[in-house]
Amino acid sequence: MTTEKSVSRLIAGAYHSTYHQLVRFFHKRLGNSQDARDLSQDVFARWLKGGNETSVQETRAFLFKIANNVLTDHWRHSRRKGRDRVSEWDDSLTEEVAQAHADPQVQLEHRQRLDRLYQVLNELPPRQREAFVLYRFDGLSQSDIAERMDISVSMVEKHIARALLQCKRAMNAAEQKDGE
């Protein structure tokens, strides 16, 4: 029978030997140090929550299996949040277009915002831009895009999520710059 002390040692040892590898794993895929650290912590939290900490033979392999699941969940959550943000973005642009017909200043601001967005889209890597445009502007499903681009649906999801993130960051940076 495994004692609580030996379970604690097993988890502590796995944490010390694997944590930094997990951070690198997540950082390579997300490009964000804070998210990488948070998701690495989530891996251990899930392991502890699962309650089968003593039945693991290869802790590193087990932890990276959990890490893949955590990453998939993170991308799904980001994609859902991205859809919500795009919807909000669409609503605000529609409202701006309606106002633009009445006010020349609003027309100018709207045009500048569209120009910034166009510039950001042109700065995206070609495959990422293609997936994003097909999804967002042509209205294709992710599976249709995957078929057209001859890549996996998972890769399409990654391209779209990264493009949305890049657009959001660039637009926020431009708005902050304009506000100064």
Protein backbone atom coordinates (compact mmCIF):
# COMPACT_ATOMS: atom_id res chain seq x y z
CA MET A 1 0.00 0.00 0.00
CA THR A 2 1.33 3.39 -0.98
CA THR A 3 1.69 5.93 1.74
CA GLU A 4 0.72 9.56 1.41
CA LYS A 5 4.38 10.52 1.87
CA SER A 6 5.55 8.38 -1.07
CA VAL A 7 2.78 9.83 -3.27
CA SER A 8 3.94 13.32 -2.32
CA ARG A 9 7.53 12.38 -3.21
CA LEU A 10 6.40 10.93 -6.56
CA ILE A 11 4.52 14.10 -7.46
CA ALA A 12 7.27 16.40 -6.21
CA GLY A 13 9.88 14.46 -8.19
CA ALA A 14 7.77 14.56 -11.33
CA TYR A 15 7.19 18.27 -10.85
CA HIS A 16 10.89 19.04 -10.46
CA SER A 17 11.95 16.87 -13.38
CA THR A 18 9.17 17.81 -15.83
CA TYR A 19 7.77 21.26 -15.06
CA HIS A 20 10.30 23.24 -17.13
CA GLN A 21 9.93 20.82 -20.03
CA LEU A 22 6.17 21.37 -19.94
CA VAL A 23 6.65 25.15 -19.87
CA ARG A 24 8.87 24.90 -22.99
CA PHE A 25 6.32 22.60 -24.65
CA PHE A 26 3.49 25.09 -24.11
CA HIS A 27 5.58 28.17 -24.87
CA LYS A 28 6.67 26.71 -28.21
CA ARG A 29 3.03 26.20 -29.17
CA LEU A 30 1.52 29.37 -27.70
CA GLY A 31 4.34 31.91 -27.72
CA ASN A 32 3.19 33.23 -24.35
CA SER A 33 5.26 32.64 -21.21
CA GLN A 34 2.47 33.29 -18.73
CA ASP A 35 0.04 30.94 -20.48
CA ALA A 36 2.80 28.33 -20.71
CA ARG A 37 3.39 28.47 -16.95
CA ASP A 38 -0.34 28.44 -16.19
CA LEU A 39 -1.02 25.47 -18.43
CA SER A 40 1.96 23.60 -16.97
CA GLN A 41 0.42 24.04 -13.53
CA ASP A 42 -2.89 22.81 -14.96
CA VAL A 43 -1.20 19.58 -16.02
CA PHE A 44 -0.26 18.78 -12.44
CA ALA A 45 -3.64 19.90 -11.15
CA ARG A 46 -5.36 17.50 -13.53
CA TRP A 47 -3.04 14.71 -12.48
CA LEU A 48 -3.88 15.28 -8.83
CA LYS A 49 -7.56 15.70 -9.59
CA GLY A 50 -7.59 12.38 -11.44
CA GLY A 51 -6.67 10.56 -8.25
CA ASN A 52 -4.56 7.88 -9.95
CA GLU A 53 -1.18 9.34 -9.07
CA THR A 54 0.24 6.03 -7.84
CA SER A 55 -0.69 3.92 -10.85
CA VAL A 56 1.48 5.86 -13.32
CA GLN A 57 4.48 3.94 -14.62
CA GLU A 58 6.07 6.59 -16.87
CA THR A 59 5.32 9.94 -15.27
CA ARG A 60 6.91 12.07 -18.01
CA ALA A 61 4.91 10.38 -20.79
CA PHE A 62 1.77 10.54 -18.67
CA LEU A 63 2.25 14.25 -17.96
CA PHE A 64 2.81 15.05 -21.64
CA LYS A 65 -0.35 13.14 -22.50
CA ILE A 66 -2.19 15.35 -20.03
CA ALA A 67 -0.38 18.39 -21.52
CA ASN A 68 -1.73 17.55 -24.98
CA ASN A 69 -5.24 17.41 -23.56
CA VAL A 70 -4.75 20.69 -21.68
CA LEU A 71 -3.48 22.34 -24.87
CA THR A 72 -6.42 21.05 -26.90
CA ASP A 73 -8.84 22.37 -24.27
CA HIS A 74 -7.01 25.71 -24.24
CA TRP A 75 -7.32 26.04 -28.03
CA ARG A 76 -11.00 25.09 -27.94
CA HIS A 77 -11.65 27.65 -25.24
CA SER A 78 -9.66 30.29 -27.15
CA ARG A 79 -11.56 29.50 -30.33
CA ARG A 80 -14.90 29.91 -28.55
CA LYS A 81 -13.73 33.19 -27.02
CA GLY A 82 -12.44 34.23 -30.43
CA ARG A 83 -15.83 33.57 -32.03
CA ASP A 84 -17.50 35.66 -29.35
CA ARG A 85 -15.01 38.47 -29.89
CA VAL A 86 -15.39 38.32 -33.66
CA SER A 87 -19.14 38.52 -33.23
CA GLU A 88 -18.73 41.55 -30.96
CA TRP A 89 -16.29 42.99 -33.48
CA ASP A 90 -18.79 42.47 -36.32
CA ASP A 91 -21.53 44.14 -34.28
CA SER A 92 -19.36 47.14 -33.52
CA LEU A 93 -18.28 47.45 -37.16
CA THR A 94 -21.90 47.25 -38.33
CA GLU A 95 -22.83 49.98 -35.87
CA GLU A 96 -19.88 52.08 -37.04
CA VAL A 97 -20.91 51.67 -40.68
CA ALA A 98 -24.41 52.88 -39.84
CA GLN A 99 -22.98 55.89 -38.02
CA ALA A 100 -20.44 56.52 -40.77
CA HIS A 101 -23.14 57.55 -43.21
CA ALA A 102 -24.07 60.42 -40.93
CA ASP A 103 -20.72 61.69 -39.64
CA PRO A 104 -17.56 62.36 -41.72
CA GLN A 105 -15.32 61.97 -38.63
CA VAL A 106 -16.78 58.51 -37.96
CA GLN A 107 -16.27 57.66 -41.65
CA LEU A 108 -12.59 58.57 -41.36
CA GLU A 109 -12.10 56.56 -38.15
CA HIS A 110 -13.88 53.58 -39.68
CA ARG A 111 -11.71 53.76 -42.79
CA GLN A 112 -8.55 53.98 -40.71
CA ARG A 113 -9.60 50.96 -38.66
CA LEU A 114 -10.29 48.93 -41.81
CA ASP A 115 -6.93 50.01 -43.24
CA ARG A 116 -5.17 48.82 -40.06
CA LEU A 117 -7.00 45.51 -40.23
CA TYR A 118 -6.06 45.09 -43.89
CA GLN A 119 -2.42 45.80 -43.02
CA VAL A 120 -2.47 43.24 -40.19
CA LEU A 121 -3.98 40.61 -42.47
CA ASN A 122 -1.25 41.24 -45.04
CA GLU A 123 1.42 40.77 -42.37
CA LEU A 124 0.14 37.30 -41.40
CA PRO A 125 2.01 34.27 -42.72
CA PRO A 126 0.46 33.27 -46.07
CA ARG A 127 -1.10 29.96 -44.95
CA GLN A 128 -2.45 31.53 -41.77
CA ARG A 129 -3.94 34.42 -43.74
CA GLU A 130 -5.48 32.02 -46.27
CA ALA A 131 -7.15 29.92 -43.57
CA PHE A 132 -8.41 33.02 -41.75
CA VAL A 133 -9.82 34.68 -44.89
CA LEU A 134 -11.51 31.47 -46.03
CA TYR A 135 -13.09 31.05 -42.61
CA ARG A 136 -13.94 34.61 -41.68
CA PHE A 137 -14.70 36.27 -45.01
CA ASP A 138 -15.61 33.40 -47.33
CA GLY A 139 -17.59 31.58 -44.66
CA LEU A 140 -16.09 28.12 -45.26
CA SER A 141 -16.20 25.52 -42.51
CA GLN A 142 -12.96 24.40 -40.93
CA SER A 143 -13.26 20.98 -42.56
CA ASP A 144 -13.77 22.59 -45.99
CA ILE A 145 -10.72 24.77 -45.42
CA ALA A 146 -8.67 21.75 -44.33
CA GLU A 147 -9.65 19.93 -47.50
CA ARG A 148 -8.95 22.93 -49.73
CA MET A 149 -5.58 23.66 -48.12
CA ASP A 150 -4.67 19.97 -47.78
CA ILE A 151 -4.01 20.24 -44.04
CA SER A 152 -5.67 18.84 -40.92
CA VAL A 153 -8.67 20.47 -39.28
CA SER A 154 -6.51 20.89 -36.19
CA MET A 155 -4.00 22.91 -38.23
CA VAL A 156 -6.83 25.05 -39.61
CA GLU A 157 -7.98 25.73 -36.03
CA LYS A 158 -4.46 26.76 -35.07
CA HIS A 159 -4.10 29.06 -38.09
CA ILE A 160 -7.43 30.75 -37.36
CA ALA A 161 -6.74 31.12 -33.63
CA ARG A 162 -3.29 32.59 -34.26
CA ALA A 163 -4.64 34.98 -36.90
CA LEU A 164 -7.40 36.17 -34.56
CA LEU A 165 -4.89 36.68 -31.79
CA GLN A 166 -2.54 38.62 -34.07
CA CYS A 167 -5.40 40.81 -35.36
CA LYS A 168 -6.58 41.51 -31.83
CA ARG A 169 -3.09 42.40 -30.60
CA ALA A 170 -2.39 44.68 -33.56
CA MET A 171 -5.75 46.43 -33.36
CA ASN A 172 -5.40 46.93 -29.59
CA ALA A 173 -1.88 48.29 -30.03
CA ALA A 174 -3.06 50.68 -32.74
CA GLU A 175 -5.97 51.87 -30.61
CA GLN A 176 -3.65 52.45 -27.64
CA LYS A 177 -1.25 54.36 -29.88
CA ASP A 178 -4.11 56.48 -31.21
CA GLY A 179 -5.25 57.20 -27.64
CA GLU A 180 -1.89 58.64 -26.61
